[in-house]
C-alpha atoms as a PDB file:
ATOM      1  CA  MET A   1       0.048   0.117   0.088  1.00  0.00           C
ATOM      2  CA  ARG A   2       2.652   2.495   0.963  1.00  0.00           C
ATOM      3  CA  ILE A   3       4.535   1.360  -2.304  1.00  0.00           C
ATOM      4  CA  THR A   4       1.299   2.365  -4.462  1.00  0.00           C
ATOM      5  CA  THR A   5       0.946   5.758  -2.546  1.00  0.00           C
ATOM      6  CA  ILE A   6       4.714   6.379  -3.160  1.00  0.00           C
ATOM      7  CA  ILE A   7       4.368   5.873  -6.891  1.00  0.00           C
ATOM      8  CA  ALA A   8       1.350   7.859  -7.333  1.00  0.00           C
ATOM      9  CA  THR A   9       2.982  10.631  -5.524  1.00  0.00           C
ATOM     10  CA  LEU A  10       5.714  10.156  -7.703  1.00  0.00           C
ATOM     11  CA  PHE A  11       3.474  10.272 -11.160  1.00  0.00           C
ATOM     12  CA  PHE A  12       1.657  13.480  -9.673  1.00  0.00           C
ATOM     13  CA  LEU A  13       5.165  15.414  -9.345  1.00  0.00           C
ATOM     14  CA  GLY A  14       6.406  14.085 -12.380  1.00  0.00           C
ATOM     15  CA  GLY A  15       3.167  15.322 -14.118  1.00  0.00           C
ATOM     16  CA  CYS A  16       3.714  18.807 -12.528  1.00  0.00           C
ATOM     17  CA  ALA A  17       6.987  18.948 -13.751  1.00  0.00           C
ATOM     18  CA  MET A  18       6.664  17.961 -17.159  1.00  0.00           C
ATOM     19  CA  ASN A  19       3.649  19.751 -18.143  1.00  0.00           C
ATOM     20  CA  PRO A  20       5.251  23.071 -18.877  1.00  0.00           C
ATOM     21  CA  SER A  21       7.696  21.534 -21.072  1.00  0.00           C
ATOM     22  CA  ILE A  22       5.199  19.822 -23.059  1.00  0.00           C
ATOM     23  CA  GLN A  23       3.164  23.369 -23.543  1.00  0.00           C
ATOM     24  CA  VAL A  24       6.426  24.630 -24.806  1.00  0.00           C
ATOM     25  CA  LEU A  25       6.984  21.716 -27.183  1.00  0.00           C
ATOM     26  CA  GLU A  26       3.335  22.284 -28.379  1.00  0.00           C
ATOM     27  CA  GLU A  27       3.680  25.977 -28.805  1.00  0.00           C
ATOM     28  CA  HIS A  28       7.052  25.479 -31.197  1.00  0.00           C
ATOM     29  CA  ALA A  29       5.012  22.448 -33.086  1.00  0.00           C
ATOM     30  CA  THR A  30       1.884  24.371 -33.698  1.00  0.00           C
ATOM     31  CA  SER A  31       3.380  27.843 -34.472  1.00  0.00           C
ATOM     32  CA  PRO A  32       3.695  28.191 -38.451  1.00  0.00           C
ATOM     33  CA  LYS A  33       6.257  30.553 -37.957  1.00  0.00           C
ATOM     34  CA  ALA A  34       8.276  32.457 -35.282  1.00  0.00           C
ATOM     35  CA  GLN A  35       6.950  35.795 -33.862  1.00  0.00           C
ATOM     36  CA  PRO A  36       8.591  38.940 -34.309  1.00  0.00           C
ATOM     37  CA  SER A  37      10.679  40.081 -31.208  1.00  0.00           C
ATOM     38  CA  PRO A  38       9.801  43.480 -29.545  1.00  0.00           C
ATOM     39  CA  ILE A  39      13.303  44.424 -30.889  1.00  0.00           C
ATOM     40  CA  GLN A  40      12.417  43.840 -34.446  1.00  0.00           C
ATOM     41  CA  LYS A  41       9.037  45.644 -33.993  1.00  0.00           C
ATOM     42  CA  ARG A  42      11.301  48.723 -32.804  1.00  0.00           C
ATOM     43  CA  MET A  43      13.534  48.402 -36.074  1.00  0.00           C
ATOM     44  CA  GLU A  44      10.302  48.813 -38.125  1.00  0.00           C
ATOM     45  CA  ASP A  45       9.207  51.789 -36.457  1.00  0.00           C
ATOM     46  CA  VAL A  46      12.634  53.584 -37.021  1.00  0.00           C
ATOM     47  CA  PRO A  47      11.876  57.035 -38.667  1.00  0.00           C
ATOM     48  CA  LYS A  48      12.802  57.100 -42.326  1.00  0.00           C
ATOM     49  CA  VAL A  49      16.181  58.619 -43.709  1.00  0.00           C
ATOM     50  CA  ASP A  50      15.990  62.221 -45.458  1.00  0.00           C
ATOM     51  CA  GLY A  51      17.332  61.321 -48.655  1.00  0.00           C
ATOM     52  CA  ARG A  52      19.149  58.583 -50.493  1.00  0.00           C
ATOM     53  CA  LYS A  53      19.875  55.367 -48.756  1.00  0.00           C
ATOM     54  CA  ILE A  54      23.378  55.240 -46.837  1.00  0.00           C
ATOM     55  CA  THR A  55      26.037  52.733 -48.450  1.00  0.00           C
ATOM     56  CA  ILE A  56      27.509  50.774 -46.005  1.00  0.00           C
ATOM     57  CA  ALA A  57      30.088  47.832 -46.119  1.00  0.00           C
ATOM     58  CA  VAL A  58      30.606  44.993 -43.512  1.00  0.00           C
ATOM     59  CA  TYR A  59      33.736  43.049 -43.779  1.00  0.00           C
ATOM     60  CA  GLY A  60      33.482  41.103 -40.572  1.00  0.00           C
ATOM     61  CA  PHE A  61      31.917  40.820 -37.261  1.00  0.00           C
ATOM     62  CA  GLN A  62      34.004  38.605 -34.995  1.00  0.00           C
ATOM     63  CA  ASP A  63      33.869  36.831 -31.921  1.00  0.00           C
ATOM     64  CA  LYS A  64      36.372  38.296 -29.521  1.00  0.00           C
ATOM     65  CA  THR A  65      35.485  36.476 -26.636  1.00  0.00           C
ATOM     66  CA  GLY A  66      37.338  33.287 -26.738  1.00  0.00           C
ATOM     67  CA  GLN A  67      34.945  31.511 -24.577  1.00  0.00           C
ATOM     68  CA  ARG A  68      33.540  28.036 -25.101  1.00  0.00           C
ATOM     69  CA  LYS A  69      30.231  26.594 -24.307  1.00  0.00           C
ATOM     70  CA  PRO A  70      29.912  25.524 -20.781  1.00  0.00           C
ATOM     71  CA  ALA A  71      29.699  21.968 -19.922  1.00  0.00           C
ATOM     72  CA  ASP A  72      29.618  20.141 -16.671  1.00  0.00           C
ATOM     73  CA  MET A  73      32.704  17.695 -16.055  1.00  0.00           C
ATOM     74  CA  ILE A  74      33.548  17.712 -19.560  1.00  0.00           C
ATOM     75  CA  ALA A  75      35.927  19.375 -22.059  1.00  0.00           C
ATOM     76  CA  ASN A  76      34.010  21.383 -24.772  1.00  0.00           C
ATOM     77  CA  LEU A  77      35.808  22.759 -27.872  1.00  0.00           C
ATOM     78  CA  SER A  78      32.412  24.376 -29.232  1.00  0.00           C
ATOM     79  CA  SER A  79      32.432  28.133 -29.217  1.00  0.00           C
ATOM     80  CA  ALA A  80      29.819  29.867 -26.899  1.00  0.00           C
ATOM     81  CA  VAL A  81      28.630  31.938 -29.448  1.00  0.00           C
ATOM     82  CA  THR A  82      28.128  32.160 -33.393  1.00  0.00           C
ATOM     83  CA  GLN A  83      30.831  32.620 -35.622  1.00  0.00           C
ATOM     84  CA  GLY A  84      28.682  33.926 -38.018  1.00  0.00           C
ATOM     85  CA  SER A  85      27.506  36.773 -36.573  1.00  0.00           C
ATOM     86  CA  GLU A  86      27.909  39.362 -39.553  1.00  0.00           C
ATOM     87  CA  VAL A  87      24.954  37.520 -41.120  1.00  0.00           C
ATOM     88  CA  TRP A  88      22.624  39.212 -38.286  1.00  0.00           C
ATOM     89  CA  VAL A  89      24.527  42.493 -38.848  1.00  0.00           C
ATOM     90  CA  ILE A  90      24.188  42.709 -42.605  1.00  0.00           C
ATOM     91  CA  LYS A  91      20.355  41.458 -41.979  1.00  0.00           C
ATOM     92  CA  ALA A  92      19.810  44.331 -39.128  1.00  0.00           C
ATOM     93  CA  LEU A  93      21.029  46.929 -41.571  1.00  0.00           C
ATOM     94  CA  GLN A  94      18.927  45.827 -44.464  1.00  0.00           C
ATOM     95  CA  ASP A  95      15.674  45.722 -42.240  1.00  0.00           C
ATOM     96  CA  VAL A  96      15.712  48.758 -40.077  1.00  0.00           C
ATOM     97  CA  GLY A  97      13.688  51.553 -40.851  1.00  0.00           C
ATOM     98  CA  ASP A  98      11.598  48.905 -43.036  1.00  0.00           C
ATOM     99  CA  GLY A  99      14.839  48.691 -45.350  1.00  0.00           C
ATOM    100  CA  GLY A 100      14.840  52.368 -45.889  1.00  0.00           C
ATOM    101  CA  TRP A 101      18.004  52.888 -44.392  1.00  0.00           C
ATOM    102  CA  PHE A 102      21.160  51.281 -45.526  1.00  0.00           C
ATOM    103  CA  GLU A 103      22.414  49.902 -49.133  1.00  0.00           C
ATOM    104  CA  VAL A 104      24.545  47.076 -47.847  1.00  0.00           C
ATOM    105  CA  VAL A 105      27.340  46.062 -50.250  1.00  0.00           C
ATOM    106  CA  GLU A 106      28.660  42.598 -50.526  1.00  0.00           C
ATOM    107  CA  ARG A 107      32.219  42.206 -48.656  1.00  0.00           C
ATOM    108  CA  VAL A 108      32.209  39.066 -46.491  1.00  0.00           C
ATOM    109  CA  GLY A 109      32.235  36.922 -49.823  1.00  0.00           C
ATOM    110  CA  MET A 110      34.446  39.354 -51.513  1.00  0.00           C
ATOM    111  CA  ASP A 111      36.620  36.364 -53.042  1.00  0.00           C
ATOM    112  CA  ASN A 112      33.624  34.792 -54.741  1.00  0.00           C
ATOM    113  CA  LEU A 113      32.742  37.856 -56.184  1.00  0.00           C
ATOM    114  CA  ILE A 114      35.726  38.639 -57.609  1.00  0.00           C
ATOM    115  CA  LYS A 115      35.961  35.074 -59.109  1.00  0.00           C
ATOM    116  CA  GLU A 116      32.702  35.561 -60.425  1.00  0.00           C
ATOM    117  CA  ARG A 117      33.580  38.685 -62.377  1.00  0.00           C
ATOM    118  CA  GLN A 118      36.636  37.237 -63.675  1.00  0.00           C
ATOM    119  CA  LEU A 119      34.768  34.668 -65.373  1.00  0.00           C
ATOM    120  CA  ILE A 120      32.101  36.970 -66.790  1.00  0.00           C
ATOM    121  CA  ARG A 121      35.075  38.987 -68.216  1.00  0.00           C
ATOM    122  CA  GLN A 122      36.547  35.787 -69.792  1.00  0.00           C
ATOM    123  CA  THR A 123      33.449  34.486 -71.301  1.00  0.00           C
ATOM    124  CA  ARG A 124      32.492  38.010 -72.926  1.00  0.00           C
ATOM    125  CA  GLU A 125      36.185  38.067 -74.495  1.00  0.00           C
ATOM    126  CA  VAL A 126      35.424  34.688 -76.063  1.00  0.00           C
ATOM    127  CA  TYR A 127      31.929  35.533 -77.530  1.00  0.00           C
ATOM    128  CA  GLU A 128      32.295  39.060 -78.198  1.00  0.00           C
ATOM    129  CA  LYS A 129      35.905  39.462 -79.170  1.00  0.00           C
ATOM    130  CA  GLU A 130      34.538  40.030 -82.747  1.00  0.00           C
ATOM    131  CA  LEU A 131      32.253  42.657 -82.111  1.00  0.00           C
ATOM    132  CA  PRO A 132      33.144  46.329 -83.351  1.00  0.00           C
ATOM    133  CA  THR A 133      33.098  47.753 -79.832  1.00  0.00           C
ATOM    134  CA  GLY A 134      34.937  44.638 -78.209  1.00  0.00           C
ATOM    135  CA  PRO A 135      33.506  42.674 -75.336  1.00  0.00           C
ATOM    136  CA  THR A 136      31.076  44.487 -72.935  1.00  0.00           C
ATOM    137  CA  PRO A 137      32.630  45.597 -70.260  1.00  0.00           C
ATOM    138  CA  LEU A 138      31.414  45.209 -66.544  1.00  0.00           C
ATOM    139  CA  LYS A 139      29.851  47.715 -64.519  1.00  0.00           C
ATOM    140  CA  PRO A 140      32.222  49.127 -61.790  1.00  0.00           C
ATOM    141  CA  MET A 141      31.271  47.862 -58.397  1.00  0.00           C
ATOM    142  CA  LEU A 142      29.419  49.963 -55.789  1.00  0.00           C
ATOM    143  CA  PHE A 143      32.175  51.195 -52.815  1.00  0.00           C
ATOM    144  CA  ALA A 144      30.813  52.358 -49.568  1.00  0.00           C
ATOM    145  CA  GLY A 145      31.266  55.570 -47.996  1.00  0.00           C
ATOM    146  CA  LEU A 146      31.110  53.993 -44.434  1.00  0.00           C
ATOM    147  CA  LEU A 147      32.376  50.724 -42.684  1.00  0.00           C
ATOM    148  CA  LEU A 148      30.784  49.090 -39.896  1.00  0.00           C
ATOM    149  CA  GLU A 149      33.234  47.204 -38.030  1.00  0.00           C
ATOM    150  CA  GLY A 150      33.147  45.374 -34.060  1.00  0.00           C
ATOM    151  CA  GLY A 151      32.215  42.504 -32.913  1.00  0.00           C
ATOM    152  CA  ILE A 152      31.098  39.957 -30.047  1.00  0.00           C
ATOM    153  CA  VAL A 153      33.615  41.229 -26.977  1.00  0.00           C
ATOM    154  CA  GLY A 154      31.993  39.669 -24.152  1.00  0.00           C
ATOM    155  CA  TYR A 155      30.071  36.259 -22.971  1.00  0.00           C
ATOM    156  CA  ASP A 156      29.750  36.196 -19.207  1.00  0.00           C
ATOM    157  CA  SER A 157      28.111  33.162 -17.931  1.00  0.00           C
ATOM    158  CA  ASN A 158      26.346  32.506 -14.578  1.00  0.00           C
ATOM    159  CA  THR A 159      26.220  36.446 -13.962  1.00  0.00           C
ATOM    160  CA  ALA A 160      23.230  35.638 -11.543  1.00  0.00           C
ATOM    161  CA  VAL A 161      22.388  32.208 -10.323  1.00  0.00           C
ATOM    162  CA  GLY A 162      19.605  30.936  -7.979  1.00  0.00           C
ATOM    163  CA  GLY A 163      16.847  28.637  -7.193  1.00  0.00           C
ATOM    164  CA  ALA A 164      14.818  26.907  -4.643  1.00  0.00           C
ATOM    165  CA  GLY A 165      13.903  23.480  -3.387  1.00  0.00           C
ATOM    166  CA  ALA A 166      12.197  21.406  -0.797  1.00  0.00           C
ATOM    167  CA  ARG A 167      12.419  17.411   0.307  1.00  0.00           C
ATOM    168  CA  TYR A 168      10.193  15.500   2.885  1.00  0.00           C
ATOM    169  CA  LEU A 169      10.616  11.909   3.493  1.00  0.00           C
ATOM    170  CA  GLY A 170      12.290  11.177   0.464  1.00  0.00           C
ATOM    171  CA  LEU A 171      10.132  13.277  -1.889  1.00  0.00           C
ATOM    172  CA  GLY A 172      11.701  16.600  -3.331  1.00  0.00           C
ATOM    173  CA  ILE A 173      11.080  19.082  -5.994  1.00  0.00           C
ATOM    174  CA  GLN A 174      13.572  21.946  -6.994  1.00  0.00           C
ATOM    175  CA  THR A 175      13.956  24.950  -9.356  1.00  0.00           C
ATOM    176  CA  GLU A 176      17.297  26.611 -10.790  1.00  0.00           C
ATOM    177  CA  TYR A 177      17.841  29.547 -12.899  1.00  0.00           C
ATOM    178  CA  ARG A 178      20.675  31.187 -14.664  1.00  0.00           C
ATOM    179  CA  ILE A 179      21.601  34.708 -16.409  1.00  0.00           C
ATOM    180  CA  ASP A 180      24.190  35.095 -19.023  1.00  0.00           C
ATOM    181  CA  THR A 181      25.157  38.044 -20.879  1.00  0.00           C
ATOM    182  CA  VAL A 182      26.497  38.735 -24.415  1.00  0.00           C
ATOM    183  CA  THR A 183      28.041  42.059 -25.128  1.00  0.00           C
ATOM    184  CA  VAL A 184      28.123  43.489 -28.727  1.00  0.00           C
ATOM    185  CA  VAL A 185      30.355  46.564 -29.634  1.00  0.00           C
ATOM    186  CA  MET A 186      29.715  48.532 -33.124  1.00  0.00           C
ATOM    187  CA  ARG A 187      31.850  51.319 -34.390  1.00  0.00           C
ATOM    188  CA  LEU A 188      31.141  53.504 -37.752  1.00  0.00           C
ATOM    189  CA  VAL A 189      34.139  54.551 -39.708  1.00  0.00           C
ATOM    190  CA  SER A 190      34.391  57.047 -42.508  1.00  0.00           C
ATOM    191  CA  VAL A 191      36.129  55.700 -45.386  1.00  0.00           C
ATOM    192  CA  SER A 192      37.432  59.038 -46.663  1.00  0.00           C
ATOM    193  CA  THR A 193      39.225  59.865 -43.642  1.00  0.00           C
ATOM    194  CA  GLY A 194      39.479  56.771 -41.561  1.00  0.00           C
ATOM    195  CA  LYS A 195      38.031  58.791 -38.649  1.00  0.00           C
ATOM    196  CA  VAL A 196      35.792  56.964 -35.943  1.00  0.00           C
ATOM    197  CA  LEU A 197      32.315  58.614 -36.167  1.00  0.00           C
ATOM    198  CA  MET A 198      30.818  56.642 -33.309  1.00  0.00           C
ATOM    199  CA  SER A 199      30.810  53.465 -31.045  1.00  0.00           C
ATOM    200  CA  ILE A 200      28.215  51.690 -29.496  1.00  0.00           C
ATOM    201  CA  ALA A 201      27.848  48.977 -27.047  1.00  0.00           C
ATOM    202  CA  THR A 202      24.898  46.835 -26.212  1.00  0.00           C
ATOM    203  CA  GLU A 203      23.971  43.871 -24.010  1.00  0.00           C
ATOM    204  CA  LYS A 204      21.642  41.061 -23.891  1.00  0.00           C
ATOM    205  CA  THR A 205      20.881  38.746 -21.159  1.00  0.00           C
ATOM    206  CA  ILE A 206      20.257  35.020 -21.477  1.00  0.00           C
ATOM    207  CA  ALA A 207      17.874  33.335 -19.362  1.00  0.00           C
ATOM    208  CA  SER A 208      17.974  29.676 -18.204  1.00  0.00           C
ATOM    209  CA  TYR A 209      15.450  27.661 -16.239  1.00  0.00           C
ATOM    210  CA  ARG A 210      15.141  24.282 -14.706  1.00  0.00           C
ATOM    211  CA  SER A 211      12.799  22.574 -12.756  1.00  0.00           C
ATOM    212  CA  GLY A 212      12.050  18.978 -11.727  1.00  0.00           C
ATOM    213  CA  ALA A 213      11.376  16.482  -8.985  1.00  0.00           C
ATOM    214  CA  ASP A 214      12.592  13.405  -7.372  1.00  0.00           C
ATOM    215  CA  ILE A 215      11.839  10.586  -5.124  1.00  0.00           C
ATOM    216  CA  PHE A 216      14.726   8.527  -3.097  1.00  0.00           C
ATOM    217  CA  LYS A 217      12.875   5.982  -0.792  1.00  0.00           C
ATOM    218  CA  PHE A 218      13.561   2.302   0.904  1.00  0.00           C
ATOM    219  CA  PHE A 219      10.958  -0.162   1.748  1.00  0.00           C
ATOM    220  CA  ASP A 220      10.657  -3.307   3.460  1.00  0.00           C
ATOM    221  CA  LEU A 221      13.386  -2.803   6.145  1.00  0.00           C
ATOM    222  CA  GLY A 222      15.788  -1.293   3.561  1.00  0.00           C
ATOM    223  CA  THR A 223      16.113  -3.996   1.194  1.00  0.00           C
ATOM    224  CA  ARG A 224      14.080  -2.359  -1.851  1.00  0.00           C
ATOM    225  CA  LEU A 225      14.774   1.134  -3.085  1.00  0.00           C
ATOM    226  CA  VAL A 226      12.818   3.151  -5.161  1.00  0.00           C
ATOM    227  CA  GLU A 227      14.542   6.037  -7.215  1.00  0.00           C
ATOM    228  CA  THR A 228      13.729   8.083  -9.966  1.00  0.00           C
ATOM    229  CA  GLU A 229      13.763  11.773 -11.138  1.00  0.00           C
ATOM    230  CA  ALA A 230      11.771  13.881 -13.736  1.00  0.00           C
ATOM    231  CA  GLY A 231      12.104  17.385 -14.827  1.00  0.00           C
ATOM    232  CA  PHE A 232      12.591  20.000 -17.846  1.00  0.00           C
ATOM    233  CA  SER A 233      14.745  22.795 -18.791  1.00  0.00           C
ATOM    234  CA  VAL A 234      14.278  25.880 -20.960  1.00  0.00           C
ATOM    235  CA  ASN A 235      17.110  27.781 -22.411  1.00  0.00           C
ATOM    236  CA  GLU A 236      16.844  31.383 -24.238  1.00  0.00           C
ATOM    237  CA  PRO A 237      18.983  30.306 -27.478  1.00  0.00           C
ATOM    238  CA  VAL A 238      22.457  32.282 -27.627  1.00  0.00           C
ATOM    239  CA  ASN A 239      22.117  32.779 -31.285  1.00  0.00           C
ATOM    240  CA  TYR A 240      18.744  34.900 -30.501  1.00  0.00           C
ATOM    241  CA  ALA A 241      20.646  36.926 -28.052  1.00  0.00           C
ATOM    242  CA  VAL A 242      23.423  37.725 -30.251  1.00  0.00           C
ATOM    243  CA  ARG A 243      20.736  38.814 -32.926  1.00  0.00           C
ATOM    244  CA  ALA A 244      18.713  40.925 -30.377  1.00  0.00           C
ATOM    245  CA  ALA A 245      22.021  42.831 -29.493  1.00  0.00           C
ATOM    246  CA  VAL A 246      23.010  43.433 -32.980  1.00  0.00           C
ATOM    247  CA  GLU A 247      19.546  44.740 -33.862  1.00  0.00           C
ATOM    248  CA  GLN A 248      19.566  46.622 -30.670  1.00  0.00           C
ATOM    249  CA  GLY A 249      23.032  48.539 -31.734  1.00  0.00           C
ATOM    250  CA  VAL A 250      21.926  49.251 -35.255  1.00  0.00           C
ATOM    251  CA  ILE A 251      18.708  50.994 -33.674  1.00  0.00           C
ATOM    252  CA  GLU A 252      20.954  53.037 -31.668  1.00  0.00           C
ATOM    253  CA  LEU A 253      23.579  53.672 -34.257  1.00  0.00           C
ATOM    254  CA  ILE A 254      20.893  55.294 -36.182  1.00  0.00           C
ATOM    255  CA  TYR A 255      19.745  57.738 -33.272  1.00  0.00           C
ATOM    256  CA  GLU A 256      23.200  58.497 -32.093  1.00  0.00           C
ATOM    257  CA  GLY A 257      24.144  59.502 -35.829  1.00  0.00           C
ATOM    258  CA  GLU A 258      20.785  61.849 -35.928  1.00  0.00           C
ATOM    259  CA  ARG A 259      22.218  63.281 -32.673  1.00  0.00           C
ATOM    260  CA  LYS A 260      25.249  64.116 -33.953  1.00  0.00           C
ATOM    261  CA  ASN A 261      24.358  65.093 -37.476  1.00  0.00           C
ATOM    262  CA  LEU A 262      25.492  62.756 -39.610  1.00  0.00           C
ATOM    263  CA  TRP A 263      22.215  62.091 -41.044  1.00  0.00           C
ATOM    264  CA  ARG A 264      18.506  63.538 -40.733  1.00  0.00           C
ATOM    265  CA  PHE A 265      15.239  61.668 -39.983  1.00  0.00           C
ATOM    266  CA  LYS A 266      12.477  62.447 -42.909  1.00  0.00           C
ATOM    267  CA  ASP A 267       9.799  64.816 -41.915  1.00  0.00           C
ATOM    268  CA  GLU A 268       6.619  62.806 -42.942  1.00  0.00           C
ATOM    269  CA  SER A 269       4.244  65.397 -41.410  1.00  0.00           C
ATOM    270  CA  SER A 270       4.962  67.478 -44.836  1.00  0.00           C
ATOM    271  CA  GLU A 271       4.026  64.631 -46.753  1.00  0.00           C
ATOM    272  CA  PRO A 272       0.840  64.801 -48.613  1.00  0.00           C
ATOM    273  CA  ILE A 273      -2.054  62.743 -47.116  1.00  0.00           C
ATOM    274  CA  LYS A 274      -4.019  60.433 -49.296  1.00  0.00           C
ATOM    275  CA  GLU A 275      -7.352  60.983 -49.834  1.00  0.00           C
ATOM    276  CA  THR A 276      -9.404  57.717 -48.799  1.00  0.00           C
ATOM    277  CA  GLU A 277     -12.552  58.750 -50.864  1.00  0.00           C
ATOM    278  CA  LYS A 278     -10.724  58.370 -54.217  1.00  0.00           C
ATOM    279  CA  GLN A 279      -9.353  54.946 -53.706  1.00  0.00           C
ATOM    280  CA  PRO A 280     -12.711  53.065 -54.683  1.00  0.00           C
ATOM    281  CA  GLU A 281     -12.634  55.097 -58.058  1.00  0.00           C
ATOM    282  CA  ALA A 282      -9.316  53.991 -58.815  1.00  0.00           C
ATOM    283  CA  SER A 283      -9.628  50.573 -58.119  1.00  0.00           C
ATOM    284  CA  ALA A 284     -12.954  50.599 -60.309  1.00  0.00           C
ATOM    285  CA  SER A 285     -11.076  51.989 -63.228  1.00  0.00           C
ATOM    286  CA  ILE A 286      -8.418  49.334 -62.641  1.00  0.00           C
ATOM    287  CA  ALA A 287     -10.929  46.469 -62.681  1.00  0.00           C
ATOM    288  CA  SER A 288     -12.749  48.240 -65.896  1.00  0.00           C
ATOM    289  CA  GLU A 289      -9.487  47.696 -67.592  1.00  0.00           C
END
């Protein structure tokens, strides 16, 4: 009878511990696509630039931390943060302000770009050499007036650690959490003068949570032992933290540049307001055509 009661209690604790994790899995399985983060919404709400897009180049955005993934009792040679963070930098520059701020030129894959241009020249020399004007020359590559440099300069693990637990007569339940921090630094450099126009540093915390229940009990004068555990953990992806820190850095870069008079925001209040009452007529004329 006592064994049955203990096992029933075990299943109750295990069900309570696993229920949140099942809900998390169902949310990820049923959602057709990832929802935009609050930082992505802020990127869309950035005011538009007054004038043409700003041409900018990103040669690289390196991991300067040298940190490895934390592991218990084993050696882990995997890097703690992503080694391709320039992808998020380029995407953030292209997406900020609904894509109306920066014209990003390719520099990360410069070798492949040059090789492809050489192949085009060779092909044109073979097939267009008999033309009166000769082979068609390639258009010159677009150059950038600004360089975006920087990298991931900090990955601090266990900046905050805590938890709580309780145990009674071999039955226990515990909860733990951990906070890590990623630091990203960006600097904007003028190509014509080499001057560093501004530097921006942003941080993003990474939260990890773990909960579980266990039972450890002897029966029949210590001759039988029942021991089992159940639990779940939720870890915020490091890659998401790097992306959020990069996006926040791009937003702060734009506002800091506006304060330093490097560019200006477009005054949308002076734009003419569209007349909504004329829209049905326009749609009707299009339909009649």
